[in-house]
Amino acid sequence: MTSIRLDMPIAARAESVWDAVRDVGAIHTRFVPGFVTDTRLEGNLRTVTFETGFIAQELIVDLDGEAMRLAYSVRPNELMSHHHASFQVIPEGETSCRLVWLADFLPPEAEASVRGMMEQGAAVMKQALAAK
């Protein structure tokens, strides 16, 4: 199993960042606009279309408002046989926070592709969320 952890400082209030993270059906407009071009939510299954045309189905595992944590799992696809990830918003004062994105997945050979997608997504997130 391979793990990737991205720890991002965000120049925005934790509550504002959490509001965008927890809006699981609108990530294409609020969380990663442009990087994700469409989001469809049916119950706890989210279908995400990326700017590259790649489509992933994600199971929303948990939304914990108290911990400001979202856990999700990408369904097996041509890139990964297993995936589990989470976002957690950590307050750091009145006007800033950290957004921690963890992903565990198989096979290890997918690391370069997954890391590339995560780093690209993180750059978009930081820009979108700092504007809040």
C-alpha atoms as a PDB file:
ATOM      1  CA  MET A   1       0.000   0.000   0.000  1.00  0.00           C
ATOM      2  CA  THR A   2       1.188   3.502  -0.801  1.00  0.00           C
ATOM      3  CA  SER A   3       0.288   6.627   1.160  1.00  0.00           C
ATOM      4  CA  ILE A   4       0.473  10.267   0.143  1.00  0.00           C
ATOM      5  CA  ARG A   5      -0.029  13.137   2.572  1.00  0.00           C
ATOM      6  CA  LEU A   6      -0.403  16.741   1.489  1.00  0.00           C
ATOM      7  CA  ASP A   7      -0.520  19.407   4.203  1.00  0.00           C
ATOM      8  CA  MET A   8      -1.655  22.740   2.812  1.00  0.00           C
ATOM      9  CA  PRO A   9      -1.779  26.083   4.606  1.00  0.00           C
ATOM     10  CA  ILE A  10      -4.892  27.992   3.507  1.00  0.00           C
ATOM     11  CA  ALA A  11      -5.356  31.732   4.016  1.00  0.00           C
ATOM     12  CA  ALA A  12      -9.038  31.435   4.928  1.00  0.00           C
ATOM     13  CA  ARG A  13     -11.195  30.768   7.962  1.00  0.00           C
ATOM     14  CA  ALA A  14     -11.491  27.064   8.810  1.00  0.00           C
ATOM     15  CA  GLU A  15     -15.291  27.257   8.760  1.00  0.00           C
ATOM     16  CA  SER A  16     -15.295  28.632   5.200  1.00  0.00           C
ATOM     17  CA  VAL A  17     -12.908  25.925   4.007  1.00  0.00           C
ATOM     18  CA  TRP A  18     -14.951  23.217   5.723  1.00  0.00           C
ATOM     19  CA  ASP A  19     -18.121  24.571   4.103  1.00  0.00           C
ATOM     20  CA  ALA A  20     -16.568  24.003   0.651  1.00  0.00           C
ATOM     21  CA  VAL A  21     -15.088  20.585   1.545  1.00  0.00           C
ATOM     22  CA  ARG A  22     -18.341  19.228   2.943  1.00  0.00           C
ATOM     23  CA  ASP A  23     -20.340  20.345  -0.104  1.00  0.00           C
ATOM     24  CA  VAL A  24     -19.560  17.001  -1.779  1.00  0.00           C
ATOM     25  CA  GLY A  25     -21.900  17.566  -4.714  1.00  0.00           C
ATOM     26  CA  ALA A  26     -20.367  20.872  -5.786  1.00  0.00           C
ATOM     27  CA  ILE A  27     -16.624  20.243  -5.839  1.00  0.00           C
ATOM     28  CA  HIS A  28     -16.478  21.309  -9.506  1.00  0.00           C
ATOM     29  CA  THR A  29     -17.675  24.808  -8.578  1.00  0.00           C
ATOM     30  CA  ARG A  30     -16.513  25.364  -4.983  1.00  0.00           C
ATOM     31  CA  PHE A  31     -13.515  23.160  -4.212  1.00  0.00           C
ATOM     32  CA  VAL A  32     -11.522  22.354  -7.366  1.00  0.00           C
ATOM     33  CA  PRO A  33     -13.085  24.394 -10.204  1.00  0.00           C
ATOM     34  CA  GLY A  34     -11.535  23.596 -13.554  1.00  0.00           C
ATOM     35  CA  PHE A  35      -9.623  20.570 -12.251  1.00  0.00           C
ATOM     36  CA  VAL A  36     -12.996  18.834 -11.839  1.00  0.00           C
ATOM     37  CA  THR A  37     -15.520  19.768 -14.520  1.00  0.00           C
ATOM     38  CA  ASP A  38     -18.610  17.918 -13.270  1.00  0.00           C
ATOM     39  CA  THR A  39     -19.890  16.251 -10.117  1.00  0.00           C
ATOM     40  CA  ARG A  40     -22.984  14.070  -9.832  1.00  0.00           C
ATOM     41  CA  LEU A  41     -24.191  12.869  -6.449  1.00  0.00           C
ATOM     42  CA  GLU A  42     -26.557   9.930  -6.019  1.00  0.00           C
ATOM     43  CA  GLY A  43     -26.955   9.089  -2.341  1.00  0.00           C
ATOM     44  CA  ASN A  44     -23.432   8.613  -1.026  1.00  0.00           C
ATOM     45  CA  LEU A  45     -21.949   7.816  -4.460  1.00  0.00           C
ATOM     46  CA  ARG A  46     -20.264  10.720  -6.223  1.00  0.00           C
ATOM     47  CA  THR A  47     -19.260  10.595  -9.887  1.00  0.00           C
ATOM     48  CA  VAL A  48     -16.456  13.028 -10.639  1.00  0.00           C
ATOM     49  CA  THR A  49     -15.319  14.091 -14.114  1.00  0.00           C
ATOM     50  CA  PHE A  50     -11.814  15.548 -14.282  1.00  0.00           C
ATOM     51  CA  GLU A  51     -10.575  18.065 -16.852  1.00  0.00           C
ATOM     52  CA  THR A  52      -8.664  15.230 -18.538  1.00  0.00           C
ATOM     53  CA  GLY A  53     -11.901  13.338 -19.158  1.00  0.00           C
ATOM     54  CA  PHE A  54     -11.085  10.718 -16.501  1.00  0.00           C
ATOM     55  CA  ILE A  55     -14.203   9.731 -14.541  1.00  0.00           C
ATOM     56  CA  ALA A  56     -14.017   8.366 -11.004  1.00  0.00           C
ATOM     57  CA  GLN A  57     -16.750   7.020  -8.797  1.00  0.00           C
ATOM     58  CA  GLU A  58     -16.241   7.896  -5.154  1.00  0.00           C
ATOM     59  CA  LEU A  59     -18.073   6.534  -2.151  1.00  0.00           C
ATOM     60  CA  ILE A  60     -18.548   9.205   0.542  1.00  0.00           C
ATOM     61  CA  VAL A  61     -17.626   7.244   3.674  1.00  0.00           C
ATOM     62  CA  ASP A  62     -17.990   9.889   6.389  1.00  0.00           C
ATOM     63  CA  LEU A  63     -18.658  13.588   6.885  1.00  0.00           C
ATOM     64  CA  ASP A  64     -17.678  14.549  10.437  1.00  0.00           C
ATOM     65  CA  GLY A  65     -18.655  18.162  11.096  1.00  0.00           C
ATOM     66  CA  GLU A  66     -17.139  18.258  14.558  1.00  0.00           C
ATOM     67  CA  ALA A  67     -13.711  17.084  13.337  1.00  0.00           C
ATOM     68  CA  MET A  68     -14.163  18.903   9.978  1.00  0.00           C
ATOM     69  CA  ARG A  69     -13.191  15.681   8.208  1.00  0.00           C
ATOM     70  CA  LEU A  70     -14.409  14.077   4.981  1.00  0.00           C
ATOM     71  CA  ALA A  71     -13.497  10.457   4.183  1.00  0.00           C
ATOM     72  CA  TYR A  72     -14.086   8.938   0.759  1.00  0.00           C
ATOM     73  CA  SER A  73     -13.054   5.951  -1.323  1.00  0.00           C
ATOM     74  CA  VAL A  74     -12.550   5.802  -5.075  1.00  0.00           C
ATOM     75  CA  ARG A  75     -14.096   2.686  -6.581  1.00  0.00           C
ATOM     76  CA  PRO A  76     -11.573   0.342  -8.259  1.00  0.00           C
ATOM     77  CA  ASN A  77     -10.681   1.540 -11.749  1.00  0.00           C
ATOM     78  CA  GLU A  78      -7.977   1.146 -14.406  1.00  0.00           C
ATOM     79  CA  LEU A  79      -5.521   3.076 -12.217  1.00  0.00           C
ATOM     80  CA  MET A  80      -6.168   1.707  -8.698  1.00  0.00           C
ATOM     81  CA  SER A  81      -7.466  -1.500  -7.174  1.00  0.00           C
ATOM     82  CA  HIS A  82      -7.931   0.111  -3.734  1.00  0.00           C
ATOM     83  CA  HIS A  83      -8.228   3.710  -2.543  1.00  0.00           C
ATOM     84  CA  HIS A  84      -9.221   5.472   0.649  1.00  0.00           C
ATOM     85  CA  ALA A  85      -8.660   9.155   1.348  1.00  0.00           C
ATOM     86  CA  SER A  86      -9.637  11.961   3.665  1.00  0.00           C
ATOM     87  CA  PHE A  87      -9.575  15.721   3.969  1.00  0.00           C
ATOM     88  CA  GLN A  88      -9.341  17.367   7.365  1.00  0.00           C
ATOM     89  CA  VAL A  89      -9.536  21.080   8.060  1.00  0.00           C
ATOM     90  CA  ILE A  90      -7.434  22.187  11.037  1.00  0.00           C
ATOM     91  CA  PRO A  91      -8.014  25.732  12.364  1.00  0.00           C
ATOM     92  CA  GLU A  92      -4.939  27.908  12.885  1.00  0.00           C
ATOM     93  CA  GLY A  93      -6.157  31.203  14.244  1.00  0.00           C
ATOM     94  CA  GLU A  94      -9.003  33.416  13.094  1.00  0.00           C
ATOM     95  CA  THR A  95      -8.166  33.706   9.410  1.00  0.00           C
ATOM     96  CA  SER A  96      -6.115  30.653   8.474  1.00  0.00           C
ATOM     97  CA  CYS A  97      -6.159  26.885   8.606  1.00  0.00           C
ATOM     98  CA  ARG A  98      -4.484  23.790   7.254  1.00  0.00           C
ATOM     99  CA  LEU A  99      -6.086  21.329   4.894  1.00  0.00           C
ATOM    100  CA  VAL A 100      -4.620  17.845   5.222  1.00  0.00           C
ATOM    101  CA  TRP A 101      -5.289  15.415   2.364  1.00  0.00           C
ATOM    102  CA  LEU A 102      -4.355  11.772   2.963  1.00  0.00           C
ATOM    103  CA  ALA A 103      -4.656   8.998   0.396  1.00  0.00           C
ATOM    104  CA  ASP A 104      -3.859   5.297   0.730  1.00  0.00           C
ATOM    105  CA  PHE A 105      -4.044   3.161  -2.405  1.00  0.00           C
ATOM    106  CA  LEU A 106      -2.953   0.100  -4.341  1.00  0.00           C
ATOM    107  CA  PRO A 107      -1.025  -0.734  -6.436  1.00  0.00           C
ATOM    108  CA  PRO A 108       2.146   1.152  -5.494  1.00  0.00           C
ATOM    109  CA  GLU A 109       2.890   1.573  -9.210  1.00  0.00           C
ATOM    110  CA  ALA A 110       0.070   4.160  -9.371  1.00  0.00           C
ATOM    111  CA  GLU A 111       1.983   6.531  -7.097  1.00  0.00           C
ATOM    112  CA  ALA A 112       3.320   8.867  -9.784  1.00  0.00           C
ATOM    113  CA  SER A 113      -0.113   9.271 -11.406  1.00  0.00           C
ATOM    114  CA  VAL A 114      -1.952   9.669  -8.096  1.00  0.00           C
ATOM    115  CA  ARG A 115       0.623  12.095  -6.699  1.00  0.00           C
ATOM    116  CA  GLY A 116       0.474  14.165  -9.888  1.00  0.00           C
ATOM    117  CA  MET A 117      -3.326  14.390  -9.720  1.00  0.00           C
ATOM    118  CA  MET A 118      -3.250  15.230  -6.010  1.00  0.00           C
ATOM    119  CA  GLU A 119      -0.616  17.937  -6.398  1.00  0.00           C
ATOM    120  CA  GLN A 120      -2.478  19.498  -9.322  1.00  0.00           C
ATOM    121  CA  GLY A 121      -5.753  19.351  -7.372  1.00  0.00           C
ATOM    122  CA  ALA A 122      -4.087  20.814  -4.268  1.00  0.00           C
ATOM    123  CA  ALA A 123      -2.856  23.845  -6.218  1.00  0.00           C
ATOM    124  CA  VAL A 124      -6.404  24.493  -7.471  1.00  0.00           C
ATOM    125  CA  MET A 125      -7.864  23.980  -3.976  1.00  0.00           C
ATOM    126  CA  LYS A 126      -5.469  26.441  -2.376  1.00  0.00           C
ATOM    127  CA  GLN A 127      -6.367  29.106  -4.931  1.00  0.00           C
ATOM    128  CA  ALA A 128     -10.134  28.480  -4.785  1.00  0.00           C
ATOM    129  CA  LEU A 129     -10.283  28.305  -0.992  1.00  0.00           C
ATOM    130  CA  ALA A 130      -8.043  31.303  -0.304  1.00  0.00           C
ATOM    131  CA  ALA A 131     -10.452  33.425  -2.301  1.00  0.00           C
ATOM    132  CA  LYS A 132     -13.228  32.709   0.251  1.00  0.00           C
END
